[in-house]
C-alpha cells in the first residue's frame, strides 16, 4: 500500500453558514418614546391613548347629563304615548332627534381639546429670557410682559404668560382651573366640565341651541298634554290628577265609581 499523507484541516477554514444568535426569551423590548400627553404639565386627564381630554375638575357635568336623561326619559315614558294617541307620531321622533343632538354635542364639548397651546420648551423659554433689555446690570429681571407685533398692518400687543413661558396670541387666556393657555378662550364652563375655546366652541354653541329647543319642545308638549286632558270639562285640577303629575295632588285617592 502506498503511504497516505494526511493533512490536518482547520475547521475554522470551512465555509459554514453564519447563524445569528437568537435573543434570549427574557430580553426586554425597546421602550417606546413617551407621548406628549403622557408628560403633559397641565391639569388634565387623558383617555383612549390621548384622544379624549377632560379637565381635572369635571364640575357638575354628571349632574348636567343626569338632568337631561331624567327629564327626557319622563317625557318619553309618560307624555309621548298620550300625545301619539291623540295627535301625531312625529312627536317622539322630533324629541328623539333633539335628545340625541343634545347628548352628542355635550360630550363633544366636554371631551374635545378646547384649543390648548403647547408650552415653550426649555430652549424656547431661555431664548425669550435673552430678550431682556440688558442695561449692564447683573440683577435678574423677568421677561417683558408685552410684545408688539404687526398683524394685518395693525400693531397688536401680545401678553407674556409666566406659566407657559410664551407670548400669548390675541384672544388667548390662561385658564387657572386647567392651568393651560387656551386659544380664543371664552370661559371655563362647569356645566360641561371643560374650557370653551377655539376647537370646541361650535360644539358648545350647538349644545346650547339644541338644549333650548329640547326644553321648549318638552314644555310645549307637557302643556298640550294637560290642555287635552282638561278639555273634558272637569278642570285643570282633575287633569293633573289623571296625568303622570298626579302624585302631589292625590293624598286622598278618589272614590271608585259605583
Protein backbone atom coordinates (compact mmCIF):
# COMPACT_ATOMS: atom_id res chain seq x y z
CA UNK A 1 0.00 0.00 0.00
CA UNK A 2 1.12 3.43 -0.67
CA UNK A 3 1.77 5.77 2.18
CA UNK A 4 -1.05 8.18 2.53
CA UNK A 5 -0.27 11.62 3.79
CA UNK A 6 -2.94 13.09 5.98
CA UNK A 7 -3.26 16.84 6.18
CA UNK A 8 -4.95 18.34 9.18
CA UNK A 9 -7.76 20.69 8.15
CA UNK A 10 -8.53 23.73 10.22
CA UNK A 11 -12.27 23.61 10.95
CA UNK A 12 -12.37 27.41 11.01
CA UNK A 13 -11.49 27.46 7.33
CA UNK A 14 -14.60 25.53 6.37
CA UNK A 15 -17.40 27.55 4.80
CA UNK A 16 -20.15 27.17 7.36
CA UNK A 17 -23.34 29.27 7.28
CA UNK A 18 -23.31 32.16 9.67
CA UNK A 19 -26.18 31.97 12.11
CA UNK A 20 -27.34 34.97 14.04
CA UNK A 21 -27.75 34.18 17.70
CA UNK A 22 -31.31 34.46 18.87
CA UNK A 23 -32.00 36.88 21.69
CA UNK A 24 -32.83 35.27 24.98
CA UNK A 25 -36.54 34.94 25.62
CA UNK A 26 -36.32 37.17 28.66
CA UNK A 27 -34.76 40.07 26.74
CA UNK A 28 -36.63 43.34 27.22
CA UNK A 29 -38.21 45.04 24.25
CA UNK A 30 -37.16 48.51 23.21
CA UNK A 31 -39.02 51.05 25.29
CA UNK A 32 -41.23 53.25 23.15
CA UNK A 33 -40.78 57.00 23.42
CA UNK A 34 -43.19 58.85 25.66
CA UNK A 35 -46.10 60.61 24.04
CA UNK A 36 -46.65 64.30 24.65
CA UNK A 37 -49.89 63.74 26.51
CA UNK A 38 -48.11 61.41 28.93
CA UNK A 39 -45.85 64.24 30.12
CA UNK A 40 -48.43 67.00 29.78
CA UNK A 41 -47.89 69.57 32.53
CA UNK A 42 -51.45 70.88 32.70
CA UNK A 43 -54.27 69.78 34.99
CA UNK A 44 -56.00 67.47 32.55
CA UNK A 45 -56.74 63.77 32.29
CA UNK A 46 -56.38 61.74 29.10
CA UNK A 47 -58.15 58.60 27.92
CA UNK A 48 -58.14 56.39 24.81
CA UNK A 49 -54.43 56.95 24.15
CA UNK A 50 -54.76 60.71 24.44
CA UNK A 51 -57.73 61.06 22.08
CA UNK A 52 -60.07 62.20 24.88
CA UNK A 53 -59.11 65.08 27.14
CA UNK A 54 -61.09 66.14 30.20
CA UNK A 55 -60.47 68.69 32.90
CA UNK A 56 -59.19 67.56 36.28
CA UNK A 57 -62.27 69.09 37.89
CA UNK A 58 -65.27 67.83 35.95
CA UNK A 59 -67.57 70.29 37.71
CA UNK A 60 -71.23 69.39 37.55
CA UNK A 61 -71.04 67.51 34.25
CA UNK A 62 -72.62 64.34 35.77
CA UNK A 63 -75.47 66.50 37.11
CA UNK A 64 -75.98 68.11 33.69
CA UNK A 65 -76.09 64.75 31.94
CA UNK A 66 -78.36 63.30 34.65
CA UNK A 67 -80.90 66.14 34.40
CA UNK A 68 -81.10 65.75 30.62
CA UNK A 69 -81.53 61.97 30.83
CA UNK A 70 -84.13 62.03 33.62
CA UNK A 71 -86.22 64.82 32.10
CA UNK A 72 -86.22 63.27 28.64
CA UNK A 73 -86.99 59.79 29.98
CA UNK A 74 -90.02 61.04 31.91
CA UNK A 75 -91.24 62.81 28.79
CA UNK A 76 -90.90 59.74 26.56
CA UNK A 77 -92.47 57.39 29.11
CA UNK A 78 -95.46 59.43 30.32
CA UNK A 79 -96.28 62.18 27.80
CA UNK A 80 -95.39 60.69 24.43
CA UNK A 81 -97.89 57.75 24.48
CA UNK A 82 -100.83 60.11 25.15
CA UNK A 83 -99.71 62.64 22.52
CA UNK A 84 -99.13 59.93 19.91
CA UNK A 85 -102.62 58.58 20.52
CA UNK A 86 -104.35 61.96 20.29
CA UNK A 87 -102.07 63.97 17.96
CA UNK A 88 -99.30 62.52 15.79
CA UNK A 89 -96.45 60.02 15.83
CA UNK A 90 -93.96 62.74 14.86
CA UNK A 91 -93.70 63.98 18.47
CA UNK A 92 -91.40 61.20 19.79
CA UNK A 93 -89.36 61.34 16.57
CA UNK A 94 -88.70 65.07 16.95
CA UNK A 95 -87.96 64.65 20.66
CA UNK A 96 -85.58 61.78 19.98
CA UNK A 97 -83.62 63.73 17.36
CA UNK A 98 -83.26 66.72 19.69
CA UNK A 99 -82.26 64.48 22.61
CA UNK A 100 -79.53 62.71 20.60
CA UNK A 101 -78.21 66.05 19.30
CA UNK A 102 -78.04 67.47 22.84
CA UNK A 103 -76.17 64.48 24.27
CA UNK A 104 -73.69 64.25 21.39
CA UNK A 105 -72.87 67.97 21.42
CA UNK A 106 -72.47 67.89 25.22
CA UNK A 107 -69.99 65.00 25.09
CA UNK A 108 -68.08 66.63 22.23
CA UNK A 109 -67.80 69.87 24.20
CA UNK A 110 -66.64 68.06 27.34
CA UNK A 111 -64.13 65.64 25.77
CA UNK A 112 -62.60 67.79 22.99
CA UNK A 113 -59.41 69.80 23.23
CA UNK A 114 -60.65 73.41 23.61
CA UNK A 115 -57.57 74.85 21.90
CA UNK A 116 -54.69 74.31 24.32
CA UNK A 117 -51.42 75.87 23.18
CA UNK A 118 -48.24 73.86 23.89
CA UNK A 119 -45.89 75.33 26.44
CA UNK A 120 -42.48 76.60 25.48
CA UNK A 121 -39.58 74.16 25.63
CA UNK A 122 -36.63 74.98 27.91
CA UNK A 123 -34.65 76.24 24.90
CA UNK A 124 -37.51 78.46 23.76
CA UNK A 125 -38.00 79.81 27.28
CA UNK A 126 -34.27 80.59 27.55
CA UNK A 127 -34.38 82.39 24.19
CA UNK A 128 -37.26 84.57 25.39
CA UNK A 129 -35.39 85.42 28.56
CA UNK A 130 -32.47 86.62 26.44
CA UNK A 131 -34.72 89.30 25.04
CA UNK A 132 -34.49 91.20 28.30
CA UNK A 133 -33.13 94.68 27.90
CA UNK A 134 -29.57 94.32 29.17
CA UNK A 135 -28.69 97.59 30.78
CA UNK A 136 -25.38 96.35 32.14
CA UNK A 137 -26.88 95.29 35.43
CA UNK A 138 -26.37 91.71 36.60
CA UNK A 139 -29.65 91.76 38.51
CA UNK A 140 -32.15 89.31 37.03
CA UNK A 141 -35.30 90.79 35.62
CA UNK A 142 -38.29 88.81 34.29
CA UNK A 143 -39.12 88.84 30.56
CA UNK A 144 -41.14 91.77 29.27
CA UNK A 145 -44.86 91.44 29.82
CA UNK A 146 -45.85 92.60 26.33
CA UNK A 147 -44.51 92.44 22.82
CA UNK A 148 -45.74 94.45 19.87
CA UNK A 149 -46.20 92.62 16.57
CA UNK A 150 -47.65 93.70 13.24
CA UNK A 151 -50.77 91.75 12.17
CA UNK A 152 -52.67 92.85 9.05
CA UNK A 153 -50.86 96.19 9.15
CA UNK A 154 -52.02 96.77 12.71
CA UNK A 155 -49.87 96.80 15.83
CA UNK A 156 -51.05 94.18 18.33
CA UNK A 157 -49.69 93.71 21.85
CA UNK A 158 -49.02 90.14 22.94
CA UNK A 159 -49.03 89.38 26.66
CA UNK A 160 -46.45 87.10 28.23
CA UNK A 161 -47.56 84.04 30.23
CA UNK A 162 -45.12 83.26 33.04
CA UNK A 163 -46.56 79.75 33.45
CA UNK A 164 -46.37 78.61 29.82
CA UNK A 165 -43.24 80.72 29.14
CA UNK A 166 -44.50 82.24 25.91
CA UNK A 167 -46.20 85.28 24.43
CA UNK A 168 -49.89 84.51 24.05
CA UNK A 169 -51.55 85.10 20.64
CA UNK A 170 -54.50 87.52 20.51
CA UNK A 171 -57.68 86.38 22.28
CA UNK A 172 -55.74 83.77 24.24
CA UNK A 173 -56.02 83.49 28.01
CA UNK A 174 -54.65 81.23 30.70
CA UNK A 175 -57.28 79.12 32.48
CA UNK A 176 -56.50 78.93 36.19
CA UNK A 177 -58.55 75.73 36.64
CA UNK A 178 -56.94 73.74 33.82
CA UNK A 179 -53.57 75.55 34.02
CA UNK A 180 -53.38 75.94 30.24
CA UNK A 181 -53.28 78.74 27.72
CA UNK A 182 -56.37 78.30 25.52
CA UNK A 183 -56.66 79.94 22.13
CA UNK A 184 -59.79 82.12 21.72
CA UNK A 185 -60.64 81.38 25.32
CA UNK A 186 -64.28 82.16 26.14
CA UNK A 187 -64.73 80.77 29.66
CA UNK A 188 -64.41 77.63 31.76
CA UNK A 189 -67.91 76.17 31.89
CA UNK A 190 -68.55 73.98 34.97
CA UNK A 191 -71.76 72.59 33.40
CA UNK A 192 -69.74 70.85 30.67
CA UNK A 193 -66.61 70.38 32.79
CA UNK A 194 -64.21 71.91 30.27
CA UNK A 195 -62.93 75.17 28.84
CA UNK A 196 -64.69 76.69 25.86
CA UNK A 197 -62.27 77.81 23.20
CA UNK A 198 -61.37 77.69 19.52
CA UNK A 199 -61.69 73.93 18.93
CA UNK A 200 -64.90 73.16 20.84
CA UNK A 201 -66.81 76.44 20.65
CA UNK A 202 -69.01 75.20 17.79
CA UNK A 203 -69.91 72.10 19.84
CA UNK A 204 -70.77 74.29 22.83
CA UNK A 205 -72.93 76.57 20.69
CA UNK A 206 -74.72 73.55 19.21
CA UNK A 207 -75.31 72.19 22.70
CA UNK A 208 -76.84 75.44 23.96
CA UNK A 209 -79.11 75.86 20.93
CA UNK A 210 -80.26 72.22 20.81
CA UNK A 211 -80.87 72.16 24.57
CA UNK A 212 -83.01 75.29 24.27
CA UNK A 213 -85.10 73.69 21.53
CA UNK A 214 -85.45 70.45 23.51
CA UNK A 215 -86.54 72.30 26.65
CA UNK A 216 -89.09 74.39 24.76
CA UNK A 217 -90.36 71.30 22.91
CA UNK A 218 -90.87 69.27 26.10
CA UNK A 219 -92.51 72.22 27.87
CA UNK A 220 -94.90 72.77 24.97
CA UNK A 221 -95.79 69.08 24.78
CA UNK A 222 -96.49 68.92 28.53
CA UNK A 223 -98.79 71.97 28.32
CA UNK A 224 -100.55 70.39 25.33
CA UNK A 225 -100.95 67.16 27.27
CA UNK A 226 -102.61 68.91 30.20
CA UNK A 227 -104.79 71.03 27.90
CA UNK A 228 -106.14 67.98 26.09
CA UNK A 229 -106.90 66.25 29.38
CA UNK A 230 -108.71 69.31 30.75
CA UNK A 231 -110.95 69.68 27.67
CA UNK A 232 -113.38 67.11 29.11
CA UNK A 233 -114.87 69.90 31.30
CA UNK A 234 -113.57 68.58 34.62
CA UNK A 235 -110.99 71.35 35.04
CA UNK A 236 -107.23 71.59 35.30
CA UNK A 237 -107.02 70.02 38.77
CA UNK A 238 -108.76 66.88 37.58
CA UNK A 239 -106.48 66.79 34.55
CA UNK A 240 -103.44 66.92 36.83
CA UNK A 241 -104.87 64.08 38.90
CA UNK A 242 -105.18 61.94 35.79
CA UNK A 243 -101.76 62.88 34.42
CA UNK A 244 -98.36 61.46 35.49
CA UNK A 245 -98.02 64.54 37.75
CA UNK A 246 -100.99 63.43 39.85
CA UNK A 247 -98.98 62.17 42.82
CA UNK A 248 -98.71 65.55 44.67
CA UNK A 249 -102.46 66.04 44.20
CA UNK A 250 -103.76 62.63 45.32
CA UNK A 251 -103.10 62.31 49.04
CA UNK A 252 -106.71 61.08 49.33
CA UNK A 253 -107.49 58.90 46.34
CA UNK A 254 -110.76 59.50 44.55
CA UNK A 255 -113.54 57.01 45.42
CA UNK A 256 -114.23 54.33 42.84
CA UNK A 257 -117.24 54.82 40.60
CA UNK A 258 -120.22 52.87 41.87
